Amino acid sequence: MKHIVLLILAGLVISCSRSNDEPWVLTKDINITAYKSDPENGKQYLDVIYENATPFNVRKLKIELLERTGTKIDTVVKEITPEQILHPKDRHLAKRPVGEPIATFDEVSVGRVWLVKE
């Protein structure tokens, strides 16, 4: 009996984990601009503007940021979930999450971009 219960639980875990997999698609059709914000109380933060240049609606974005500090380059992947579905030609400034760390890098550029279609 224990084995049957364990098999059922294992099947549920596997099926749930598969349903949560997002169909991320690599794209060059989302325009991303990343930069340090104007100083706010002497601190600067990362700002990201995104624009949908695809012919379809987008539910989520994942962007690769290359942050240069001196001669060191760090790669950071940031996920953006727009408040509303991103329609073709929509352009928005990504909301800054509460507790966002200050931008300590010298320069930032955008690498690869992935999306989840609606």
N, C-alpha and C. Protein backbone atom coordinates (compact mmCIF):
# COMPACT_ATOMS: atom_id res chain seq x y z
N MET A 1 0.82 -1.20 0.00
CA MET A 1 0.00 0.00 0.00
C MET A 1 0.86 1.26 0.00
N LYS A 2 1.95 1.23 0.80
CA LYS A 2 2.85 2.39 0.85
C LYS A 2 3.45 2.68 -0.52
N HIS A 3 3.78 1.60 -1.24
CA HIS A 3 4.41 1.78 -2.56
C HIS A 3 3.44 2.44 -3.54
N ILE A 4 2.19 2.08 -3.48
CA ILE A 4 1.19 2.67 -4.38
C ILE A 4 1.02 4.15 -4.08
N VAL A 5 0.97 4.50 -2.80
CA VAL A 5 0.83 5.91 -2.40
C VAL A 5 2.04 6.70 -2.86
N LEU A 6 3.23 6.12 -2.67
CA LEU A 6 4.45 6.81 -3.10
C LEU A 6 4.48 6.99 -4.62
N LEU A 7 4.04 5.98 -5.37
CA LEU A 7 3.99 6.10 -6.82
C LEU A 7 3.02 7.20 -7.27
N ILE A 8 1.88 7.26 -6.62
CA ILE A 8 0.90 8.28 -6.95
C ILE A 8 1.45 9.67 -6.64
N LEU A 9 2.08 9.82 -5.48
CA LEU A 9 2.67 11.11 -5.12
C LEU A 9 3.78 11.50 -6.08
N ALA A 10 4.62 10.55 -6.45
CA ALA A 10 5.70 10.84 -7.40
C ALA A 10 5.13 11.28 -8.74
N GLY A 11 4.06 10.61 -9.20
CA GLY A 11 3.42 11.01 -10.46
C GLY A 11 2.85 12.40 -10.40
N LEU A 12 2.25 12.75 -9.27
CA LEU A 12 1.70 14.10 -9.11
C LEU A 12 2.80 15.15 -9.13
N VAL A 13 3.89 14.87 -8.44
CA VAL A 13 5.01 15.82 -8.40
C VAL A 13 5.57 16.03 -9.81
N ILE A 14 5.75 14.97 -10.55
CA ILE A 14 6.30 15.07 -11.90
C ILE A 14 5.34 15.83 -12.81
N SER A 15 4.05 15.52 -12.74
CA SER A 15 3.10 16.21 -13.62
C SER A 15 2.97 17.67 -13.26
N CYS A 16 3.03 18.01 -11.98
CA CYS A 16 2.95 19.42 -11.57
C CYS A 16 4.19 20.17 -12.03
N SER A 17 5.35 19.56 -11.90
CA SER A 17 6.57 20.25 -12.29
C SER A 17 6.61 20.47 -13.80
N ARG A 18 6.06 19.55 -14.57
CA ARG A 18 6.03 19.73 -16.02
C ARG A 18 5.05 20.82 -16.43
N SER A 19 3.93 20.95 -15.73
CA SER A 19 2.95 21.97 -16.10
C SER A 19 3.44 23.37 -15.76
N ASN A 20 4.40 23.48 -14.84
CA ASN A 20 4.94 24.79 -14.48
C ASN A 20 6.06 25.23 -15.40
N ASP A 21 6.53 24.34 -16.28
CA ASP A 21 7.58 24.71 -17.21
C ASP A 21 7.04 25.74 -18.19
N GLU A 22 7.73 26.87 -18.26
CA GLU A 22 7.33 27.92 -19.16
C GLU A 22 7.97 27.68 -20.52
N PRO A 23 7.26 27.88 -21.60
CA PRO A 23 7.84 27.71 -22.94
C PRO A 23 8.64 28.95 -23.36
N TRP A 24 9.80 29.14 -22.75
CA TRP A 24 10.64 30.30 -23.05
C TRP A 24 11.19 30.18 -24.47
N VAL A 25 11.11 31.28 -25.23
CA VAL A 25 11.58 31.31 -26.61
C VAL A 25 12.60 32.44 -26.74
N LEU A 26 13.78 32.11 -27.25
CA LEU A 26 14.81 33.11 -27.50
C LEU A 26 14.33 34.03 -28.61
N THR A 27 14.50 35.34 -28.46
CA THR A 27 13.99 36.28 -29.46
C THR A 27 14.95 37.46 -29.63
N LYS A 28 14.85 38.09 -30.78
CA LYS A 28 15.54 39.35 -31.04
C LYS A 28 14.52 40.44 -31.33
N ASP A 29 13.23 40.11 -31.17
CA ASP A 29 12.15 41.02 -31.51
C ASP A 29 11.57 41.78 -30.33
N ILE A 30 12.24 41.75 -29.20
CA ILE A 30 11.86 42.57 -28.05
C ILE A 30 12.98 43.57 -27.86
N ASN A 31 12.66 44.85 -27.94
CA ASN A 31 13.66 45.89 -27.76
C ASN A 31 13.81 46.21 -26.28
N ILE A 32 15.02 46.06 -25.76
CA ILE A 32 15.30 46.29 -24.35
C ILE A 32 16.33 47.41 -24.23
N THR A 33 16.05 48.35 -23.34
CA THR A 33 17.00 49.40 -22.99
C THR A 33 17.22 49.33 -21.49
N ALA A 34 18.45 49.11 -21.08
CA ALA A 34 18.79 49.03 -19.66
C ALA A 34 19.80 50.13 -19.35
N TYR A 35 19.60 50.81 -18.21
CA TYR A 35 20.49 51.91 -17.84
C TYR A 35 20.36 52.21 -16.35
N LYS A 36 21.31 52.99 -15.84
CA LYS A 36 21.23 53.43 -14.45
C LYS A 36 20.29 54.62 -14.38
N SER A 37 19.43 54.60 -13.38
CA SER A 37 18.45 55.69 -13.22
C SER A 37 19.15 56.99 -12.83
N ASP A 38 18.40 58.08 -12.94
CA ASP A 38 18.89 59.33 -12.38
C ASP A 38 18.98 59.14 -10.88
N PRO A 39 19.89 59.84 -10.21
CA PRO A 39 20.04 59.66 -8.76
C PRO A 39 18.75 60.01 -8.00
N GLU A 40 18.38 59.13 -7.07
CA GLU A 40 17.25 59.33 -6.18
C GLU A 40 17.80 59.29 -4.76
N ASN A 41 17.78 60.41 -4.08
CA ASN A 41 18.39 60.50 -2.75
C ASN A 41 19.84 60.04 -2.77
N GLY A 42 20.54 60.39 -3.84
CA GLY A 42 21.96 60.05 -3.96
C GLY A 42 22.22 58.61 -4.41
N LYS A 43 21.18 57.85 -4.72
CA LYS A 43 21.36 56.45 -5.13
C LYS A 43 20.82 56.25 -6.54
N GLN A 44 21.47 55.35 -7.30
CA GLN A 44 21.00 55.01 -8.64
C GLN A 44 20.58 53.55 -8.68
N TYR A 45 19.56 53.26 -9.49
CA TYR A 45 19.03 51.91 -9.61
C TYR A 45 19.02 51.51 -11.08
N LEU A 46 18.79 50.23 -11.33
CA LEU A 46 18.68 49.73 -12.70
C LEU A 46 17.28 50.04 -13.22
N ASP A 47 17.20 50.65 -14.39
CA ASP A 47 15.93 50.86 -15.07
C ASP A 47 15.96 50.05 -16.36
N VAL A 48 14.83 49.43 -16.69
CA VAL A 48 14.71 48.63 -17.90
C VAL A 48 13.44 49.03 -18.63
N ILE A 49 13.59 49.43 -19.89
CA ILE A 49 12.45 49.73 -20.76
C ILE A 49 12.37 48.60 -21.77
N TYR A 50 11.15 48.07 -21.97
CA TYR A 50 10.98 46.99 -22.93
C TYR A 50 9.86 47.34 -23.90
N GLU A 51 10.05 46.92 -25.16
CA GLU A 51 9.06 47.19 -26.22
C GLU A 51 8.85 45.93 -27.04
N ASN A 52 7.60 45.59 -27.26
CA ASN A 52 7.24 44.40 -28.01
C ASN A 52 7.22 44.71 -29.51
N ALA A 53 8.20 44.20 -30.24
CA ALA A 53 8.26 44.38 -31.69
C ALA A 53 7.84 43.10 -32.41
N THR A 54 7.20 42.18 -31.68
CA THR A 54 6.71 40.94 -32.28
C THR A 54 5.27 41.14 -32.73
N PRO A 55 4.75 40.24 -33.55
CA PRO A 55 3.34 40.36 -33.96
C PRO A 55 2.36 39.67 -33.00
N PHE A 56 2.84 39.21 -31.85
CA PHE A 56 1.96 38.49 -30.91
C PHE A 56 2.08 39.08 -29.51
N ASN A 57 1.18 38.69 -28.64
CA ASN A 57 1.18 39.15 -27.26
C ASN A 57 2.21 38.38 -26.44
N VAL A 58 2.78 39.06 -25.44
CA VAL A 58 3.83 38.47 -24.61
C VAL A 58 3.38 38.52 -23.16
N ARG A 59 3.57 37.40 -22.45
CA ARG A 59 3.17 37.31 -21.05
C ARG A 59 4.34 37.57 -20.10
N LYS A 60 5.56 37.11 -20.46
CA LYS A 60 6.73 37.27 -19.59
C LYS A 60 7.96 37.50 -20.43
N LEU A 61 8.94 38.16 -19.82
CA LEU A 61 10.24 38.38 -20.45
C LEU A 61 11.33 37.92 -19.50
N LYS A 62 12.41 37.45 -20.08
CA LYS A 62 13.61 37.14 -19.30
C LYS A 62 14.76 37.76 -20.08
N ILE A 63 15.56 38.59 -19.40
CA ILE A 63 16.65 39.27 -20.09
C ILE A 63 17.98 38.98 -19.40
N GLU A 64 19.00 38.91 -20.22
CA GLU A 64 20.36 38.71 -19.73
C GLU A 64 21.03 40.08 -19.71
N LEU A 65 21.48 40.50 -18.55
CA LEU A 65 22.15 41.79 -18.41
C LEU A 65 23.63 41.56 -18.17
N LEU A 66 24.45 42.33 -18.86
CA LEU A 66 25.90 42.27 -18.69
C LEU A 66 26.30 43.54 -17.94
N GLU A 67 26.67 43.38 -16.67
CA GLU A 67 27.01 44.52 -15.82
C GLU A 67 28.53 44.61 -15.68
N ARG A 68 29.09 45.73 -16.14
CA ARG A 68 30.54 45.94 -16.08
C ARG A 68 30.87 46.84 -14.90
N THR A 69 31.81 46.36 -14.08
CA THR A 69 32.35 47.15 -12.97
C THR A 69 33.86 47.10 -13.13
N GLY A 70 34.46 48.23 -13.53
CA GLY A 70 35.89 48.23 -13.82
C GLY A 70 36.15 47.33 -15.02
N THR A 71 36.99 46.30 -14.83
CA THR A 71 37.27 45.37 -15.92
C THR A 71 36.49 44.06 -15.76
N LYS A 72 35.71 43.95 -14.70
CA LYS A 72 34.95 42.72 -14.42
C LYS A 72 33.54 42.84 -15.01
N ILE A 73 33.07 41.77 -15.67
CA ILE A 73 31.72 41.74 -16.24
C ILE A 73 30.94 40.61 -15.57
N ASP A 74 29.79 40.95 -15.00
CA ASP A 74 28.90 39.97 -14.39
C ASP A 74 27.67 39.80 -15.27
N THR A 75 27.19 38.57 -15.38
CA THR A 75 25.98 38.28 -16.12
C THR A 75 24.85 38.03 -15.14
N VAL A 76 23.77 38.78 -15.30
CA VAL A 76 22.61 38.66 -14.42
C VAL A 76 21.39 38.41 -15.31
N VAL A 77 20.54 37.44 -14.92
CA VAL A 77 19.31 37.18 -15.66
C VAL A 77 18.15 37.72 -14.83
N LYS A 78 17.36 38.59 -15.44
CA LYS A 78 16.24 39.22 -14.76
C LYS A 78 14.94 38.83 -15.46
N GLU A 79 13.96 38.44 -14.68
CA GLU A 79 12.66 38.08 -15.23
C GLU A 79 11.68 39.22 -15.01
N ILE A 80 10.94 39.56 -16.04
CA ILE A 80 9.96 40.66 -15.97
C ILE A 80 8.59 40.09 -16.31
N THR A 81 7.64 40.31 -15.43
CA THR A 81 6.25 39.95 -15.69
C THR A 81 5.46 41.25 -15.76
N PRO A 82 5.08 41.67 -16.96
CA PRO A 82 4.31 42.92 -17.08
C PRO A 82 2.99 42.83 -16.31
N GLU A 83 2.51 43.97 -15.84
CA GLU A 83 1.24 44.01 -15.12
C GLU A 83 0.09 43.56 -16.01
N GLN A 84 0.19 43.88 -17.30
CA GLN A 84 -0.81 43.46 -18.27
C GLN A 84 -0.08 42.77 -19.42
N ILE A 85 -0.82 42.02 -20.21
CA ILE A 85 -0.24 41.35 -21.38
C ILE A 85 0.41 42.42 -22.26
N LEU A 86 1.59 42.12 -22.74
CA LEU A 86 2.34 43.05 -23.59
C LEU A 86 1.92 42.82 -25.04
N HIS A 87 1.16 43.76 -25.57
CA HIS A 87 0.66 43.67 -26.94
C HIS A 87 1.73 44.20 -27.91
N PRO A 88 1.62 43.87 -29.20
CA PRO A 88 2.58 44.40 -30.18
C PRO A 88 2.65 45.93 -30.10
N LYS A 89 3.85 46.44 -30.16
CA LYS A 89 4.18 47.87 -30.12
C LYS A 89 4.02 48.50 -28.73
N ASP A 90 3.64 47.73 -27.71
CA ASP A 90 3.59 48.26 -26.34
C ASP A 90 5.00 48.51 -25.85
N ARG A 91 5.14 49.59 -25.08
CA ARG A 91 6.45 49.96 -24.53
C ARG A 91 6.23 50.38 -23.08
N HIS A 92 7.03 49.80 -22.15
CA HIS A 92 6.87 50.09 -20.73
C HIS A 92 8.21 50.15 -20.02
N LEU A 93 8.20 50.84 -18.90
CA LEU A 93 9.32 50.83 -17.97
C LEU A 93 9.02 49.77 -16.93
N ALA A 94 9.94 48.82 -16.73
CA ALA A 94 9.72 47.75 -15.77
C ALA A 94 9.63 48.33 -14.37
N LYS A 95 8.66 47.84 -13.60
CA LYS A 95 8.51 48.28 -12.21
C LYS A 95 9.70 47.78 -11.41
N ARG A 96 10.17 48.63 -10.53
CA ARG A 96 11.28 48.26 -9.66
C ARG A 96 10.73 47.51 -8.45
N PRO A 97 11.23 46.29 -8.20
CA PRO A 97 10.72 45.55 -7.03
C PRO A 97 11.14 46.22 -5.72
N VAL A 98 10.33 46.01 -4.70
CA VAL A 98 10.66 46.53 -3.38
C VAL A 98 11.98 45.90 -2.94
N GLY A 99 12.87 46.71 -2.42
CA GLY A 99 14.15 46.20 -1.96
C GLY A 99 15.18 46.02 -3.06
N GLU A 100 14.91 46.59 -4.23
CA GLU A 100 15.87 46.51 -5.35
C GLU A 100 17.21 47.08 -4.89
N PRO A 101 18.30 46.35 -5.09
CA PRO A 101 19.61 46.86 -4.68
C PRO A 101 20.02 48.04 -5.56
N ILE A 102 20.84 48.91 -5.00
CA ILE A 102 21.32 50.04 -5.79
C ILE A 102 22.25 49.53 -6.88
N ALA A 103 22.35 50.28 -7.96
CA ALA A 103 23.19 49.89 -9.10
C ALA A 103 24.63 50.30 -8.79
N THR A 104 25.47 49.30 -8.54
CA THR A 104 26.87 49.57 -8.22
C THR A 104 27.77 49.40 -9.43
N PHE A 105 27.22 48.94 -10.55
CA PHE A 105 28.01 48.72 -11.76
C PHE A 105 28.30 50.05 -12.45
N ASP A 106 29.33 50.04 -13.30
CA ASP A 106 29.69 51.24 -14.08
C ASP A 106 28.84 51.36 -15.34
N GLU A 107 28.54 50.21 -15.95
CA GLU A 107 27.84 50.21 -17.23
C GLU A 107 27.03 48.92 -17.35
N VAL A 108 25.91 48.98 -18.06
CA VAL A 108 25.08 47.78 -18.26
C VAL A 108 24.69 47.69 -19.73
N SER A 109 24.68 46.46 -20.24
CA SER A 109 24.21 46.23 -21.60
C SER A 109 23.34 44.97 -21.60
N VAL A 110 22.59 44.78 -22.68
CA VAL A 110 21.64 43.68 -22.77
C VAL A 110 22.22 42.58 -23.64
N GLY A 111 22.12 41.35 -23.14
CA GLY A 111 22.54 40.18 -23.91
C GLY A 111 21.33 39.54 -24.56
N ARG A 112 21.09 38.27 -24.25
CA ARG A 112 19.97 37.54 -24.84
C ARG A 112 18.65 37.90 -24.17
N VAL A 113 17.57 37.69 -24.93
CA VAL A 113 16.22 37.97 -24.43
C VAL A 113 15.33 36.77 -24.77
N TRP A 114 14.53 36.34 -23.79
CA TRP A 114 13.58 35.27 -23.99
C TRP A 114 12.19 35.79 -23.67
N LEU A 115 11.16 35.15 -24.23
CA LEU A 115 9.80 35.55 -23.94
C LEU A 115 8.90 34.34 -23.80
N VAL A 116 7.75 34.57 -23.17
CA VAL A 116 6.69 33.58 -23.10
C VAL A 116 5.49 34.22 -23.79
N LYS A 117 5.01 33.59 -24.87
CA LYS A 117 3.86 34.10 -25.60
C LYS A 117 2.59 33.88 -24.82
N GLU A 118 1.62 34.72 -25.07
CA GLU A 118 0.30 34.56 -24.47
C GLU A 118 -0.50 33.57 -25.25
